[in-house]
PDB file of N, CA and C in Angstrom:
ATOM      1  N   UNK A   1       0.916  -1.150   0.021  1.00  0.00           N
ATOM      2  CA  UNK A   1       0.013  -0.112   0.033  1.00  0.00           C
ATOM      3  C   UNK A   1       0.663   1.468  -0.043  1.00  0.00           C
ATOM      4  N   UNK A   2       0.588   1.974  -0.737  1.00  0.00           N
ATOM      5  CA  UNK A   2       1.109   3.361  -0.936  1.00  0.00           C
ATOM      6  C   UNK A   2       0.975   4.310   0.154  1.00  0.00           C
ATOM      7  N   UNK A   3       1.561   5.095   0.657  1.00  0.00           N
ATOM      8  CA  UNK A   3       1.282   6.110   1.443  1.00  0.00           C
ATOM      9  C   UNK A   3       0.861   7.462   0.734  1.00  0.00           C
ATOM     10  N   UNK A   4       0.040   8.244   1.578  1.00  0.00           N
ATOM     11  CA  UNK A   4      -0.340   9.630   0.714  1.00  0.00           C
ATOM     12  C   UNK A   4       1.039  10.586   0.727  1.00  0.00           C
ATOM     13  N   UNK A   5       1.053  11.436   0.075  1.00  0.00           N
ATOM     14  CA  UNK A   5       2.257  12.342  -0.095  1.00  0.00           C
ATOM     15  C   UNK A   5       2.396  13.026   1.570  1.00  0.00           C
ATOM     16  N   UNK A   6       1.259  13.427   2.200  1.00  0.00           N
ATOM     17  CA  UNK A   6       1.276  13.883   3.413  1.00  0.00           C
ATOM     18  C   UNK A   6       2.014  12.979   4.433  1.00  0.00           C
ATOM     19  N   UNK A   7       1.533  11.628   4.214  1.00  0.00           N
ATOM     20  CA  UNK A   7       2.101  10.724   5.338  1.00  0.00           C
ATOM     21  C   UNK A   7       3.544  10.468   4.929  1.00  0.00           C
ATOM     22  N   UNK A   8       3.700  10.444   3.519  1.00  0.00           N
ATOM     23  CA  UNK A   8       5.201  10.011   3.168  1.00  0.00           C
ATOM     24  C   UNK A   8       6.028  11.118   3.780  1.00  0.00           C
ATOM     25  N   UNK A   9       5.959  12.319   3.631  1.00  0.00           N
ATOM     26  CA  UNK A   9       6.766  13.474   3.940  1.00  0.00           C
ATOM     27  C   UNK A   9       6.980  13.715   5.506  1.00  0.00           C
ATOM     28  N   UNK A  10       5.873  13.276   6.268  1.00  0.00           N
ATOM     29  CA  UNK A  10       5.854  13.176   7.713  1.00  0.00           C
ATOM     30  C   UNK A  10       7.017  12.519   8.401  1.00  0.00           C
ATOM     31  N   UNK A  11       7.446  11.152   7.522  1.00  0.00           N
ATOM     32  CA  UNK A  11       8.310  10.264   7.941  1.00  0.00           C
ATOM     33  C   UNK A  11       9.959  10.828   8.042  1.00  0.00           C
ATOM     34  N   UNK A  12       9.991  12.227   6.944  1.00  0.00           N
ATOM     35  CA  UNK A  12      11.206  12.664   6.963  1.00  0.00           C
ATOM     36  C   UNK A  12      11.322  14.163   7.400  1.00  0.00           C
ATOM     37  N   UNK A  13      10.148  14.711   8.053  1.00  0.00           N
ATOM     38  CA  UNK A  13      10.582  15.915   8.549  1.00  0.00           C
ATOM     39  C   UNK A  13      11.643  16.243   9.408  1.00  0.00           C
ATOM     40  N   UNK A  14      11.803  15.096  10.148  1.00  0.00           N
ATOM     41  CA  UNK A  14      13.223  15.095  11.116  1.00  0.00           C
ATOM     42  C   UNK A  14      14.428  14.642  10.601  1.00  0.00           C
ATOM     43  N   UNK A  15      14.507  14.438   9.244  1.00  0.00           N
ATOM     44  CA  UNK A  15      15.679  14.009   8.695  1.00  0.00           C
ATOM     45  C   UNK A  15      16.610  15.265   8.259  1.00  0.00           C
ATOM     46  N   UNK A  16      17.946  15.080   8.351  1.00  0.00           N
ATOM     47  CA  UNK A  16      18.749  16.149   7.723  1.00  0.00           C
ATOM     48  C   UNK A  16      18.420  16.575   6.583  1.00  0.00           C
ATOM     49  N   UNK A  17      19.026  17.834   6.125  1.00  0.00           N
ATOM     50  CA  UNK A  17      19.002  18.312   4.584  1.00  0.00           C
ATOM     51  C   UNK A  17      19.748  17.318   3.616  1.00  0.00           C
ATOM     52  N   UNK A  18      20.923  16.617   4.124  1.00  0.00           N
ATOM     53  CA  UNK A  18      21.587  15.745   3.200  1.00  0.00           C
ATOM     54  C   UNK A  18      20.736  14.453   3.042  1.00  0.00           C
ATOM     55  N   UNK A  19      20.063  14.059   4.017  1.00  0.00           N
ATOM     56  CA  UNK A  19      19.148  12.839   3.919  1.00  0.00           C
ATOM     57  C   UNK A  19      18.329  13.235   3.117  1.00  0.00           C
ATOM     58  N   UNK A  20      17.658  14.050   3.129  1.00  0.00           N
ATOM     59  CA  UNK A  20      16.390  14.614   2.252  1.00  0.00           C
ATOM     60  C   UNK A  20      17.138  14.721   0.571  1.00  0.00           C
ATOM     61  N   UNK A  21      18.153  15.269   0.567  1.00  0.00           N
ATOM     62  CA  UNK A  21      18.586  15.290  -0.923  1.00  0.00           C
ATOM     63  C   UNK A  21      18.850  14.110  -1.236  1.00  0.00           C
ATOM     64  N   UNK A  22      19.497  12.896  -0.611  1.00  0.00           N
ATOM     65  CA  UNK A  22      19.737  11.654  -0.857  1.00  0.00           C
ATOM     66  C   UNK A  22      18.306  11.071  -1.573  1.00  0.00           C
ATOM     67  N   UNK A  23      17.362  11.236  -0.525  1.00  0.00           N
ATOM     68  CA  UNK A  23      16.180  10.540  -1.047  1.00  0.00           C
ATOM     69  C   UNK A  23      15.531  11.514  -2.143  1.00  0.00           C
ATOM     70  N   UNK A  24      15.735  12.568  -2.461  1.00  0.00           N
ATOM     71  CA  UNK A  24      15.109  13.178  -3.799  1.00  0.00           C
ATOM     72  C   UNK A  24      15.867  12.618  -4.852  1.00  0.00           C
ATOM     73  N   UNK A  25      17.052  12.151  -4.861  1.00  0.00           N
ATOM     74  CA  UNK A  25      17.888  11.654  -5.955  1.00  0.00           C
ATOM     75  C   UNK A  25      17.384  10.298  -6.088  1.00  0.00           C
ATOM     76  N   UNK A  26      16.970   9.442  -5.119  1.00  0.00           N
ATOM     77  CA  UNK A  26      16.514   8.194  -5.249  1.00  0.00           C
ATOM     78  C   UNK A  26      15.130   8.262  -6.065  1.00  0.00           C
ATOM     79  N   UNK A  27      14.353   9.342  -5.683  1.00  0.00           N
ATOM     80  CA  UNK A  27      13.110   9.384  -6.361  1.00  0.00           C
ATOM     81  C   UNK A  27      13.402   9.810  -7.793  1.00  0.00           C
ATOM     82  N   UNK A  28      14.302  10.617  -8.124  1.00  0.00           N
ATOM     83  CA  UNK A  28      14.457  11.164  -9.748  1.00  0.00           C
ATOM     84  C   UNK A  28      14.743  10.058 -10.207  1.00  0.00           C
ATOM     85  N   UNK A  29      15.631   9.134  -9.744  1.00  0.00           N
ATOM     86  CA  UNK A  29      16.367   7.936 -10.471  1.00  0.00           C
ATOM     87  C   UNK A  29      15.163   6.799 -10.562  1.00  0.00           C
ATOM     88  N   UNK A  30      14.236   6.744  -9.829  1.00  0.00           N
ATOM     89  CA  UNK A  30      13.138   5.819 -10.240  1.00  0.00           C
ATOM     90  C   UNK A  30      12.230   6.564 -11.106  1.00  0.00           C
ATOM     91  N   UNK A  31      12.024   7.723 -11.390  1.00  0.00           N
ATOM     92  CA  UNK A  31      11.222   8.359 -12.194  1.00  0.00           C
ATOM     93  C   UNK A  31      11.965   8.117 -13.767  1.00  0.00           C
ATOM     94  N   UNK A  32      13.191   8.443 -13.690  1.00  0.00           N
ATOM     95  CA  UNK A  32      14.166   8.545 -14.787  1.00  0.00           C
ATOM     96  C   UNK A  32      13.980   6.791 -15.475  1.00  0.00           C
ATOM     97  N   UNK A  33      13.914   6.025 -14.410  1.00  0.00           N
ATOM     98  CA  UNK A  33      13.689   4.709 -14.928  1.00  0.00           C
ATOM     99  C   UNK A  33      12.438   4.326 -15.663  1.00  0.00           C
ATOM    100  N   UNK A  34      11.559   4.695 -15.217  1.00  0.00           N
ATOM    101  CA  UNK A  34      10.154   4.668 -15.587  1.00  0.00           C
ATOM    102  C   UNK A  34      10.367   5.200 -17.025  1.00  0.00           C
ATOM    103  N   UNK A  35      10.691   6.501 -17.306  1.00  0.00           N
ATOM    104  CA  UNK A  35      10.864   7.149 -18.320  1.00  0.00           C
ATOM    105  C   UNK A  35      11.338   6.767 -19.441  1.00  0.00           C
ATOM    106  N   UNK A  36      12.456   5.765 -19.117  1.00  0.00           N
ATOM    107  CA  UNK A  36      13.208   4.983 -20.229  1.00  0.00           C
ATOM    108  C   UNK A  36      12.449   3.938 -20.906  1.00  0.00           C
ATOM    109  N   UNK A  37      11.412   3.376 -19.968  1.00  0.00           N
ATOM    110  CA  UNK A  37      10.381   2.197 -20.524  1.00  0.00           C
ATOM    111  C   UNK A  37       9.309   2.566 -19.806  1.00  0.00           C
ATOM    112  N   UNK A  38       8.411   3.393 -20.520  1.00  0.00           N
ATOM    113  CA  UNK A  38       7.030   3.653 -19.723  1.00  0.00           C
ATOM    114  C   UNK A  38       6.080   2.487 -19.972  1.00  0.00           C
ATOM    115  N   UNK A  39       5.425   2.124 -18.761  1.00  0.00           N
ATOM    116  CA  UNK A  39       4.602   0.889 -19.065  1.00  0.00           C
ATOM    117  C   UNK A  39       3.022   1.634 -18.746  1.00  0.00           C
ATOM    118  N   UNK A  40       2.292   1.860 -19.519  1.00  0.00           N
ATOM    119  CA  UNK A  40       0.935   2.570 -19.288  1.00  0.00           C
ATOM    120  C   UNK A  40      -0.130   1.509 -18.977  1.00  0.00           C
ATOM    121  N   UNK A  41       0.216   0.350 -18.655  1.00  0.00           N
ATOM    122  CA  UNK A  41      -0.898  -0.840 -18.599  1.00  0.00           C
ATOM    123  C   UNK A  41      -1.202  -0.672 -17.268  1.00  0.00           C
ATOM    124  N   UNK A  42      -2.639  -1.217 -16.948  1.00  0.00           N
ATOM    125  CA  UNK A  42      -3.165  -1.006 -15.813  1.00  0.00           C
ATOM    126  C   UNK A  42      -3.840  -2.208 -15.402  1.00  0.00           C
ATOM    127  N   UNK A  43      -3.069  -3.327 -15.720  1.00  0.00           N
ATOM    128  CA  UNK A  43      -3.779  -4.754 -15.579  1.00  0.00           C
ATOM    129  C   UNK A  43      -3.420  -5.036 -14.060  1.00  0.00           C
ATOM    130  N   UNK A  44      -2.344  -4.760 -13.452  1.00  0.00           N
ATOM    131  CA  UNK A  44      -2.506  -4.928 -12.152  1.00  0.00           C
ATOM    132  C   UNK A  44      -2.249  -3.679 -11.223  1.00  0.00           C
ATOM    133  N   UNK A  45      -2.455  -3.567 -10.151  1.00  0.00           N
ATOM    134  CA  UNK A  45      -2.409  -2.561  -9.084  1.00  0.00           C
ATOM    135  C   UNK A  45      -1.308  -2.767  -8.138  1.00  0.00           C
ATOM    136  N   UNK A  46      -0.299  -1.872  -7.744  1.00  0.00           N
ATOM    137  CA  UNK A  46      -0.189  -0.558  -8.479  1.00  0.00           C
ATOM    138  C   UNK A  46       0.660  -0.777  -9.897  1.00  0.00           C
ATOM    139  N   UNK A  47       0.090  -0.349 -10.709  1.00  0.00           N
ATOM    140  CA  UNK A  47       0.749  -0.397 -12.148  1.00  0.00           C
ATOM    141  C   UNK A  47       2.110   0.547 -12.111  1.00  0.00           C
ATOM    142  N   UNK A  48       2.873   0.507 -12.954  1.00  0.00           N
ATOM    143  CA  UNK A  48       3.957   1.040 -12.975  1.00  0.00           C
ATOM    144  C   UNK A  48       3.450   2.880 -13.200  1.00  0.00           C
ATOM    145  N   UNK A  49       2.533   3.037 -13.863  1.00  0.00           N
ATOM    146  CA  UNK A  49       2.217   4.451 -14.079  1.00  0.00           C
ATOM    147  C   UNK A  49       1.625   5.109 -13.046  1.00  0.00           C
ATOM    148  N   UNK A  50       0.790   4.198 -12.091  1.00  0.00           N
ATOM    149  CA  UNK A  50       0.432   4.731 -10.752  1.00  0.00           C
ATOM    150  C   UNK A  50       1.572   5.055  -9.764  1.00  0.00           C
ATOM    151  N   UNK A  51       2.471   4.107  -9.732  1.00  0.00           N
ATOM    152  CA  UNK A  51       3.824   4.296  -8.954  1.00  0.00           C
ATOM    153  C   UNK A  51       4.384   5.772  -9.425  1.00  0.00           C
ATOM    154  N   UNK A  52       4.513   5.907 -10.820  1.00  0.00           N
ATOM    155  CA  UNK A  52       5.226   6.843 -11.226  1.00  0.00           C
ATOM    156  C   UNK A  52       4.703   8.387 -10.678  1.00  0.00           C
ATOM    157  N   UNK A  53       3.051   8.400 -10.904  1.00  0.00           N
ATOM    158  CA  UNK A  53       2.480   9.512 -10.520  1.00  0.00           C
ATOM    159  C   UNK A  53       2.678   9.733  -8.755  1.00  0.00           C
ATOM    160  N   UNK A  54       2.608   8.789  -8.121  1.00  0.00           N
ATOM    161  CA  UNK A  54       2.611   8.723  -6.620  1.00  0.00           C
ATOM    162  C   UNK A  54       4.171   9.256  -6.309  1.00  0.00           C
ATOM    163  N   UNK A  55       5.056   8.863  -7.060  1.00  0.00           N
ATOM    164  CA  UNK A  55       6.424   9.217  -7.125  1.00  0.00           C
ATOM    165  C   UNK A  55       6.629  10.753  -7.240  1.00  0.00           C
ATOM    166  N   UNK A  56       5.989  11.170  -8.168  1.00  0.00           N
ATOM    167  CA  UNK A  56       5.970  12.599  -8.492  1.00  0.00           C
ATOM    168  C   UNK A  56       5.468  13.432  -7.635  1.00  0.00           C
ATOM    169  N   UNK A  57       4.376  12.995  -6.779  1.00  0.00           N
ATOM    170  CA  UNK A  57       3.691  13.661  -5.697  1.00  0.00           C
ATOM    171  C   UNK A  57       4.608  13.533  -4.430  1.00  0.00           C
ATOM    172  N   UNK A  58       5.413  12.654  -4.285  1.00  0.00           N
ATOM    173  CA  UNK A  58       6.432  12.467  -3.202  1.00  0.00           C
ATOM    174  C   UNK A  58       7.418  13.449  -3.389  1.00  0.00           C
ATOM    175  N   UNK A  59       7.878  13.487  -4.731  1.00  0.00           N
ATOM    176  CA  UNK A  59       9.098  14.082  -5.136  1.00  0.00           C
ATOM    177  C   UNK A  59       8.764  15.803  -4.656  1.00  0.00           C
ATOM    178  N   UNK A  60       7.441  16.280  -5.145  1.00  0.00           N
ATOM    179  CA  UNK A  60       7.021  17.576  -4.974  1.00  0.00           C
ATOM    180  C   UNK A  60       7.077  17.980  -3.459  1.00  0.00           C
ATOM    181  N   UNK A  61       6.425  17.128  -2.677  1.00  0.00           N
ATOM    182  CA  UNK A  61       6.435  17.290  -1.021  1.00  0.00           C
ATOM    183  C   UNK A  61       7.997  17.251  -0.648  1.00  0.00           C
ATOM    184  N   UNK A  62       8.886  16.301  -1.204  1.00  0.00           N
ATOM    185  CA  UNK A  62       9.932  16.317  -0.646  1.00  0.00           C
ATOM    186  C   UNK A  62      10.976  17.823  -0.900  1.00  0.00           C
ATOM    187  N   UNK A  63      10.549  18.303  -2.086  1.00  0.00           N
ATOM    188  CA  UNK A  63      11.277  19.424  -2.526  1.00  0.00           C
ATOM    189  C   UNK A  63      10.697  20.706  -1.890  1.00  0.00           C
ATOM    190  N   UNK A  64       9.716  20.618  -1.507  1.00  0.00           N
ATOM    191  CA  UNK A  64       9.134  21.509  -0.458  1.00  0.00           C
ATOM    192  C   UNK A  64       9.892  21.628   1.074  1.00  0.00           C
ATOM    193  N   UNK A  65       9.932  20.263   1.246  1.00  0.00           N
ATOM    194  CA  UNK A  65      10.382  20.245   2.577  1.00  0.00           C
ATOM    195  C   UNK A  65      12.072  20.377   2.504  1.00  0.00           C
ATOM    196  N   UNK A  66      12.653  20.342   1.509  1.00  0.00           N
ATOM    197  CA  UNK A  66      14.265  20.651   1.279  1.00  0.00           C
ATOM    198  C   UNK A  66      14.260  22.255   1.313  1.00  0.00           C
ATOM    199  N   UNK A  67      13.267  22.893   0.422  1.00  0.00           N
ATOM    200  CA  UNK A  67      13.353  24.247   0.481  1.00  0.00           C
ATOM    201  C   UNK A  67      13.132  24.935   2.041  1.00  0.00           C
ATOM    202  N   UNK A  68      12.197  24.175   2.696  1.00  0.00           N
ATOM    203  CA  UNK A  68      12.166  24.699   4.254  1.00  0.00           C
ATOM    204  C   UNK A  68      13.257  24.557   4.742  1.00  0.00           C
ATOM    205  N   UNK A  69      13.757  23.597   4.797  1.00  0.00           N
ATOM    206  CA  UNK A  69      15.291  23.147   5.516  1.00  0.00           C
ATOM    207  C   UNK A  69      16.243  24.281   4.938  1.00  0.00           C
ATOM    208  N   UNK A  70      16.474  24.714   3.720  1.00  0.00           N
ATOM    209  CA  UNK A  70      17.588  25.494   3.433  1.00  0.00           C
ATOM    210  C   UNK A  70      17.045  26.973   3.686  1.00  0.00           C
ATOM    211  N   UNK A  71      15.790  27.098   3.635  1.00  0.00           N
ATOM    212  CA  UNK A  71      15.436  28.549   4.393  1.00  0.00           C
ATOM    213  C   UNK A  71      15.738  28.731   5.989  1.00  0.00           C
ATOM    214  N   UNK A  72      15.376  27.861   6.608  1.00  0.00           N
ATOM    215  CA  UNK A  72      15.668  27.725   7.982  1.00  0.00           C
ATOM    216  C   UNK A  72      17.177  27.931   8.192  1.00  0.00           C
ATOM    217  N   UNK A  73      17.995  27.484   7.468  1.00  0.00           N
ATOM    218  CA  UNK A  73      19.557  27.716   7.502  1.00  0.00           C
ATOM    219  C   UNK A  73      19.759  28.901   7.461  1.00  0.00           C
ATOM    220  N   UNK A  74      19.269  29.473   6.513  1.00  0.00           N
ATOM    221  CA  UNK A  74      19.600  31.019   6.147  1.00  0.00           C
ATOM    222  C   UNK A  74      19.021  32.091   6.550  1.00  0.00           C
ATOM    223  N   UNK A  75      18.098  31.815   7.718  1.00  0.00           N
ATOM    224  CA  UNK A  75      17.425  33.093   8.408  1.00  0.00           C
ATOM    225  C   UNK A  75      18.263  33.154   9.576  1.00  0.00           C
TER     226      UNK A  75
END
């Protein structure tokens, strides 16, 4: 079962900036892998397209968290 984007990001709010950046890089790698060989079938759940879409939602939330962490260091 996939977590909602808000539940996913709650797991990482206490993580360091470096850990968040490493996780961002992992998500980007997963997205790139799908983009090399996209599978748009929906025969099974979660299908690769569903995973891709969830991954983009996770990435957006994670980038927002990274931005917050950077701002808090510079204020």
